């Protein structure tokens, strides 16, 4: 049984990990007979958003503590993640990927990845192990892998332009499809960058997990 690390960025689409994408990732890992362990950085979120109104809230929350909601408490700090114990790693989307794991939401093509995460993912790359990126998370790919590497965030022109400015090759992709860079062992899918329903998001994530496990 292959073992996959799942890196979460909080809990909630506007300030953390997209919950549907995260749960679908875990579901499809089980359906493809893989085991998994969730991880998240032990840091404060960039900010907290009221998901009912969309307004910023005057409080502080911890990414690891919030992500534990999705993982039902079965989660470890990112500092404990090593490629030696896993065959692959996958990152669901949500604004947490672009606000907590990186600052792409604010800096676009000038973004940087959280140093702890960058070091972790580059260790997987050096070990020749595949990584899956969902939704907006692929925006981090050109900051992890040497150019050029193929990826997708779907069809959003402005986001694709920023990614190409960072040195990656963006591939237009519909919600149900995936893009695989076989040389880099990277798989990406648009999910809620395009999805209008849980069912639509599920199809692409299912394909991503299947491809990730095959690469592993």
Protein backbone atom coordinates (compact mmCIF):
# COMPACT_ATOMS: atom_id res chain seq x y z
CA UNK A 1 0.00 0.00 0.00
CA UNK A 2 1.42 3.37 -1.04
CA UNK A 3 1.53 6.11 1.57
CA UNK A 4 0.81 9.73 0.69
CA UNK A 5 1.36 12.91 2.69
CA UNK A 6 -1.43 15.49 2.45
CA UNK A 7 -0.42 19.07 3.23
CA UNK A 8 -3.25 21.30 4.42
CA UNK A 9 -3.23 25.09 4.77
CA UNK A 10 -5.94 25.69 7.36
CA UNK A 11 -9.69 25.13 7.16
CA UNK A 12 -11.91 27.10 4.81
CA UNK A 13 -11.72 28.23 1.20
CA UNK A 14 -11.09 31.94 1.85
CA UNK A 15 -8.29 31.67 4.40
CA UNK A 16 -7.22 28.03 4.53
CA UNK A 17 -7.55 24.68 2.78
CA UNK A 18 -10.62 24.22 0.56
CA UNK A 19 -12.65 21.73 2.56
CA UNK A 20 -14.33 19.93 -0.34
CA UNK A 21 -11.01 19.50 -2.16
CA UNK A 22 -9.32 18.27 1.01
CA UNK A 23 -12.00 15.70 1.80
CA UNK A 24 -12.16 14.56 -1.83
CA UNK A 25 -8.40 14.08 -1.76
CA UNK A 26 -8.65 11.82 1.28
CA UNK A 27 -11.63 9.97 -0.20
CA UNK A 28 -9.91 9.21 -3.49
CA UNK A 29 -6.71 8.17 -1.77
CA UNK A 30 -8.72 5.56 0.13
CA UNK A 31 -10.60 4.51 -3.01
CA UNK A 32 -7.27 3.97 -4.76
CA UNK A 33 -6.10 1.85 -1.81
CA UNK A 34 -3.47 4.28 -0.54
CA UNK A 35 -2.90 5.31 3.06
CA UNK A 36 -2.30 8.90 4.04
CA UNK A 37 -1.14 11.23 6.80
CA UNK A 38 -2.13 14.88 7.01
CA UNK A 39 0.35 17.65 7.81
CA UNK A 40 0.20 21.43 8.18
CA UNK A 41 2.67 24.14 9.17
CA UNK A 42 2.47 25.26 12.80
CA UNK A 43 2.09 28.96 11.96
CA UNK A 44 -0.56 31.65 12.22
CA UNK A 45 -2.87 32.19 9.27
CA UNK A 46 -2.35 35.36 7.24
CA UNK A 47 -5.81 36.43 8.41
CA UNK A 48 -9.22 35.01 9.29
CA UNK A 49 -12.24 35.42 7.00
CA UNK A 50 -15.87 35.17 8.04
CA UNK A 51 -17.09 32.63 5.48
CA UNK A 52 -20.67 33.83 5.86
CA UNK A 53 -20.03 37.51 5.04
CA UNK A 54 -16.61 37.47 3.39
CA UNK A 55 -15.33 40.04 5.90
CA UNK A 56 -11.98 39.86 7.65
CA UNK A 57 -12.28 39.07 11.36
CA UNK A 58 -10.28 40.62 14.18
CA UNK A 59 -8.78 37.39 15.47
CA UNK A 60 -5.83 35.09 14.91
CA UNK A 61 -5.91 31.36 14.12
CA UNK A 62 -3.23 28.71 13.76
CA UNK A 63 -2.94 26.81 10.46
CA UNK A 64 -2.16 23.46 12.10
CA UNK A 65 -4.98 23.79 14.65
CA UNK A 66 -7.50 24.76 11.97
CA UNK A 67 -6.37 22.01 9.57
CA UNK A 68 -6.88 19.51 12.40
CA UNK A 69 -10.62 20.11 11.94
CA UNK A 70 -10.48 18.53 8.48
CA UNK A 71 -8.16 15.73 9.59
CA UNK A 72 -10.33 14.96 12.64
CA UNK A 73 -7.28 15.59 14.79
CA UNK A 74 -5.10 13.04 12.98
CA UNK A 75 -2.52 15.55 11.78
CA UNK A 76 1.15 16.33 12.36
CA UNK A 77 3.21 19.51 12.04
CA UNK A 78 4.89 19.98 8.69
CA UNK A 79 8.28 19.92 10.42
CA UNK A 80 7.82 16.15 10.92
CA UNK A 81 7.29 15.37 7.22
CA UNK A 82 10.14 13.50 5.53
CA UNK A 83 10.16 11.94 2.05
CA UNK A 84 11.64 8.78 3.55
CA UNK A 85 8.26 7.82 4.99
CA UNK A 86 6.08 8.55 1.96
CA UNK A 87 5.71 7.66 -1.70
CA UNK A 88 4.13 10.96 -2.74
CA UNK A 89 2.65 14.21 -1.45
CA UNK A 90 -0.45 16.18 -2.45
CA UNK A 91 -1.57 19.74 -1.70
CA UNK A 92 -5.28 20.66 -1.89
CA UNK A 93 -6.13 24.23 -2.83
CA UNK A 94 -8.07 27.02 -1.19
CA UNK A 95 -6.75 30.51 -0.54
CA UNK A 96 -4.63 29.10 2.28
CA UNK A 97 -2.28 27.75 -0.38
CA UNK A 98 -1.87 31.29 -1.71
CA UNK A 99 -1.98 33.11 1.65
CA UNK A 100 -0.44 30.75 4.23
CA UNK A 101 1.72 28.31 2.27
CA UNK A 102 2.81 31.08 -0.09
CA UNK A 103 2.03 34.75 -0.72
CA UNK A 104 0.87 34.30 -4.32
CA UNK A 105 -2.51 35.89 -3.51
CA UNK A 106 -0.74 39.14 -2.70
CA UNK A 107 2.41 39.19 -4.81
CA UNK A 108 1.53 37.19 -7.93
CA UNK A 109 4.63 36.55 -10.03
CA UNK A 110 6.84 37.91 -7.22
CA UNK A 111 5.53 35.35 -4.74
CA UNK A 112 7.56 33.17 -2.42
CA UNK A 113 6.76 29.83 -0.80
CA UNK A 114 6.82 29.36 2.96
CA UNK A 115 10.50 28.37 3.52
CA UNK A 116 9.61 25.31 5.60
CA UNK A 117 7.30 24.04 2.86
CA UNK A 118 9.76 24.82 0.06
CA UNK A 119 12.49 22.86 1.80
CA UNK A 120 10.11 19.96 2.39
CA UNK A 121 8.86 19.77 -1.21
CA UNK A 122 12.33 20.14 -2.66
CA UNK A 123 13.34 17.13 -0.58
CA UNK A 124 10.57 15.13 -2.29
CA UNK A 125 11.80 16.39 -5.67
CA UNK A 126 15.38 15.38 -4.87
CA UNK A 127 14.12 11.94 -3.85
CA UNK A 128 12.36 11.58 -7.22
CA UNK A 129 8.92 11.35 -5.62
CA UNK A 130 5.76 12.78 -7.24
CA UNK A 131 3.76 15.73 -5.97
CA UNK A 132 0.14 16.66 -6.75
CA UNK A 133 -1.16 20.24 -6.68
CA UNK A 134 -4.87 21.10 -6.72
CA UNK A 135 -6.76 24.31 -7.56
CA UNK A 136 -4.54 27.40 -6.89
CA UNK A 137 -1.78 25.33 -5.25
CA UNK A 138 -0.05 24.77 -8.65
CA UNK A 139 0.96 28.46 -8.55
CA UNK A 140 3.72 27.30 -6.18
CA UNK A 141 5.17 24.82 -8.67
CA UNK A 142 7.55 27.22 -10.48
CA UNK A 143 8.95 28.23 -7.08
CA UNK A 144 9.75 24.61 -6.23
CA UNK A 145 10.85 23.06 -9.54
CA UNK A 146 13.47 24.22 -12.05
CA UNK A 147 11.95 25.70 -15.20
CA UNK A 148 10.30 24.76 -17.40
CA UNK A 149 7.62 22.61 -15.81
CA UNK A 150 4.08 22.08 -17.14
CA UNK A 151 1.11 22.74 -14.90
CA UNK A 152 -2.48 23.99 -14.87
CA UNK A 153 -4.77 26.14 -12.78
CA UNK A 154 -7.51 25.80 -15.40
CA UNK A 155 -8.30 28.66 -17.78
CA UNK A 156 -7.91 31.89 -15.77
CA UNK A 157 -5.83 34.15 -18.01
CA UNK A 158 -4.43 36.49 -15.35
CA UNK A 159 -3.32 33.70 -13.03
CA UNK A 160 -1.84 31.77 -15.96
CA UNK A 161 0.11 34.86 -17.05
CA UNK A 162 1.59 35.30 -13.58
CA UNK A 163 2.60 31.63 -13.50
CA UNK A 164 4.31 31.90 -16.88
CA UNK A 165 6.15 35.02 -15.69
CA UNK A 166 7.51 32.79 -12.93
CA UNK A 167 8.97 30.46 -15.57
CA UNK A 168 6.43 27.63 -15.79
CA UNK A 169 4.48 26.44 -18.82
CA UNK A 170 0.77 26.84 -18.19
CA UNK A 171 -1.53 24.38 -19.96
CA UNK A 172 -5.22 25.21 -20.42
CA UNK A 173 -7.28 22.52 -18.75
CA UNK A 174 -10.95 21.81 -18.10
CA UNK A 175 -12.21 21.00 -14.63
CA UNK A 176 -12.42 17.22 -15.15
CA UNK A 177 -8.87 16.90 -16.51
CA UNK A 178 -5.31 16.91 -15.21
CA UNK A 179 -1.90 17.96 -16.47
CA UNK A 180 1.09 15.69 -15.88
CA UNK A 181 4.72 16.72 -16.22
CA UNK A 182 6.26 13.27 -16.38
CA UNK A 183 9.84 14.46 -16.16
CA UNK A 184 9.22 16.49 -13.01
CA UNK A 185 6.67 13.99 -11.65
CA UNK A 186 4.15 16.78 -11.04
CA UNK A 187 0.38 16.45 -11.44
CA UNK A 188 -2.10 19.35 -11.29
CA UNK A 189 -5.84 19.85 -11.73
CA UNK A 190 -8.11 22.95 -11.62
CA UNK A 191 -10.77 21.72 -9.15
CA UNK A 192 -12.53 24.79 -7.72
CA UNK A 193 -10.63 27.17 -9.97
CA UNK A 194 -13.35 26.01 -12.40
CA UNK A 195 -15.67 23.59 -10.62
CA UNK A 196 -19.31 24.52 -10.15
CA UNK A 197 -20.11 21.53 -7.95
CA UNK A 198 -18.54 18.91 -5.71
CA UNK A 199 -19.06 16.35 -8.46
CA UNK A 200 -17.05 18.39 -10.96
CA UNK A 201 -14.21 18.91 -8.50
CA UNK A 202 -14.23 15.23 -7.63
CA UNK A 203 -13.60 14.00 -11.17
CA UNK A 204 -10.33 15.86 -11.65
CA UNK A 205 -9.09 15.09 -8.15
CA UNK A 206 -9.80 11.39 -8.70
CA UNK A 207 -7.70 11.45 -11.87
CA UNK A 208 -4.92 13.37 -10.11
CA UNK A 209 -4.71 10.82 -7.28
CA UNK A 210 -4.68 7.92 -9.77
CA UNK A 211 -1.88 9.54 -11.77
CA UNK A 212 0.09 10.45 -8.64
CA UNK A 213 0.00 6.87 -7.38
CA UNK A 214 0.99 5.55 -10.80
CA UNK A 215 4.01 7.89 -10.83
CA UNK A 216 4.91 6.65 -7.37
